[in-house]
């Protein structure tokens, strides 16, 4: 499913979701998120389509609270992996925004983002605005 987020086209692979069942419901949740009305998404991941390492990683991202950030190194230490591996797994996230890889930042700066650093900054600013 392609969605427009702050003038950026983002692909969210809904095949990795058991719920919501409809793209319309997920789009509604995304709209609520962008309006500051939703702090987390009501989704159920389909773990049968995700390898164990990515599943563990996505679950850890879901625990990073709205409006906060964690560094690649901090998350890597928690998961027993190198910070670069964390970055590579962020890039493999099939559900950007829904599973908030944008909340993972570098120790000396914002870090990268598959959809561009500009979008990552806007998402973090949006969350800070509505904390």
Protein backbone atom coordinates (compact mmCIF):
# COMPACT_ATOMS: atom_id res chain seq x y z
CA UNK A 1 0.00 0.00 0.00
CA UNK A 2 1.44 3.37 -1.00
CA UNK A 3 0.59 6.38 1.14
CA UNK A 4 1.58 10.02 0.99
CA UNK A 5 3.20 11.22 4.23
CA UNK A 6 4.30 14.86 4.21
CA UNK A 7 4.63 14.80 0.41
CA UNK A 8 6.72 11.61 0.55
CA UNK A 9 5.46 8.38 -0.95
CA UNK A 10 5.86 5.54 1.56
CA UNK A 11 5.22 1.86 0.90
CA UNK A 12 3.67 -0.12 3.75
CA UNK A 13 3.57 -3.84 3.02
CA UNK A 14 0.18 -4.81 4.42
CA UNK A 15 0.85 -8.48 3.64
CA UNK A 16 2.79 -8.52 6.93
CA UNK A 17 -0.37 -7.63 8.88
CA UNK A 18 -3.08 -9.92 10.21
CA UNK A 19 -5.06 -6.89 11.31
CA UNK A 20 -6.41 -4.51 10.40
CA UNK A 21 -7.75 -6.51 7.48
CA UNK A 22 -8.49 -3.50 5.28
CA UNK A 23 -6.12 -0.92 3.86
CA UNK A 24 -8.83 1.67 4.50
CA UNK A 25 -8.64 1.00 8.25
CA UNK A 26 -4.86 1.30 8.22
CA UNK A 27 -5.10 4.54 6.23
CA UNK A 28 -7.56 5.86 8.84
CA UNK A 29 -5.08 5.01 11.60
CA UNK A 30 -2.30 6.76 9.66
CA UNK A 31 -4.48 9.88 9.28
CA UNK A 32 -5.18 9.86 13.02
CA UNK A 33 -1.44 9.52 13.69
CA UNK A 34 -0.64 12.48 11.44
CA UNK A 35 -3.30 14.56 13.23
CA UNK A 36 -1.77 13.71 16.62
CA UNK A 37 -4.86 11.71 17.63
CA UNK A 38 -3.16 8.30 17.60
CA UNK A 39 0.02 7.44 19.51
CA UNK A 40 0.25 3.79 18.47
CA UNK A 41 -1.23 1.65 15.75
CA UNK A 42 -3.74 -1.10 16.41
CA UNK A 43 -2.09 -3.81 14.32
CA UNK A 44 -1.27 -7.49 14.58
CA UNK A 45 1.83 -8.64 12.72
CA UNK A 46 1.86 -11.87 10.72
CA UNK A 47 4.99 -13.48 12.14
CA UNK A 48 4.76 -16.41 9.73
CA UNK A 49 6.11 -14.06 7.04
CA UNK A 50 8.99 -12.68 9.12
CA UNK A 51 12.25 -14.39 10.07
CA UNK A 52 12.97 -14.65 13.81
CA UNK A 53 15.62 -11.92 13.84
CA UNK A 54 13.38 -9.38 12.10
CA UNK A 55 10.40 -10.39 14.26
CA UNK A 56 12.40 -9.74 17.46
CA UNK A 57 13.58 -6.45 16.03
CA UNK A 58 10.11 -5.26 15.01
CA UNK A 59 8.74 -6.18 18.44
CA UNK A 60 11.49 -4.10 20.07
CA UNK A 61 10.60 -1.12 17.84
CA UNK A 62 6.97 -1.33 18.93
CA UNK A 63 8.17 -0.73 22.52
CA UNK A 64 9.87 2.59 21.69
CA UNK A 65 7.31 5.08 22.94
CA UNK A 66 5.69 7.79 20.88
CA UNK A 67 7.70 11.00 21.04
CA UNK A 68 10.89 9.32 22.22
CA UNK A 69 13.96 7.99 20.47
CA UNK A 70 16.57 5.30 21.02
CA UNK A 71 20.02 5.15 19.45
CA UNK A 72 21.18 2.41 17.12
CA UNK A 73 23.75 1.50 19.78
CA UNK A 74 21.25 1.36 22.66
CA UNK A 75 18.90 -0.85 20.69
CA UNK A 76 21.79 -2.99 19.49
CA UNK A 77 22.98 -3.50 23.07
CA UNK A 78 19.47 -4.53 24.15
CA UNK A 79 19.24 -7.04 21.30
CA UNK A 80 22.87 -8.22 21.36
CA UNK A 81 23.72 -6.93 17.91
CA UNK A 82 26.00 -4.35 16.32
CA UNK A 83 24.50 -0.87 15.73
CA UNK A 84 25.06 -1.32 11.98
CA UNK A 85 22.91 -4.45 12.09
CA UNK A 86 20.19 -2.36 13.74
CA UNK A 87 20.41 0.08 10.83
CA UNK A 88 20.18 -2.76 8.31
CA UNK A 89 17.11 -4.14 10.07
CA UNK A 90 15.53 -0.68 10.09
CA UNK A 91 15.97 -0.63 6.32
CA UNK A 92 14.17 -4.01 6.11
CA UNK A 93 11.15 -2.79 8.10
CA UNK A 94 8.15 -3.67 5.91
CA UNK A 95 5.84 -1.44 7.95
CA UNK A 96 7.47 2.00 8.23
CA UNK A 97 5.72 4.49 10.52
CA UNK A 98 3.38 1.72 11.78
CA UNK A 99 6.42 -0.01 13.29
CA UNK A 100 8.40 3.11 14.24
CA UNK A 101 11.94 2.65 12.91
CA UNK A 102 12.03 6.45 12.52
CA UNK A 103 12.51 6.61 16.32
CA UNK A 104 15.95 4.98 16.02
CA UNK A 105 18.61 7.68 15.76
CA UNK A 106 22.38 7.99 15.70
CA UNK A 107 24.37 8.96 18.75
CA UNK A 108 25.73 12.03 16.93
CA UNK A 109 22.73 12.86 14.77
CA UNK A 110 19.49 11.71 13.32
CA UNK A 111 20.89 8.80 11.29
CA UNK A 112 19.40 7.55 8.07
CA UNK A 113 15.93 6.62 6.92
CA UNK A 114 14.77 4.60 3.93
CA UNK A 115 12.42 7.40 2.89
CA UNK A 116 14.89 10.20 3.53
CA UNK A 117 16.18 12.08 6.54
CA UNK A 118 13.75 14.94 5.85
CA UNK A 119 10.74 12.66 6.41
CA UNK A 120 12.34 11.15 9.52
CA UNK A 121 12.80 14.65 10.98
CA UNK A 122 9.18 15.55 10.20
CA UNK A 123 7.88 12.40 11.87
CA UNK A 124 9.96 13.04 15.01
CA UNK A 125 8.86 16.69 15.09
CA UNK A 126 5.21 15.63 14.71
CA UNK A 127 5.50 13.29 17.68
CA UNK A 128 7.25 15.87 19.86
CA UNK A 129 4.45 18.35 19.03
CA UNK A 130 1.73 16.00 20.28
CA UNK A 131 3.37 14.44 23.37
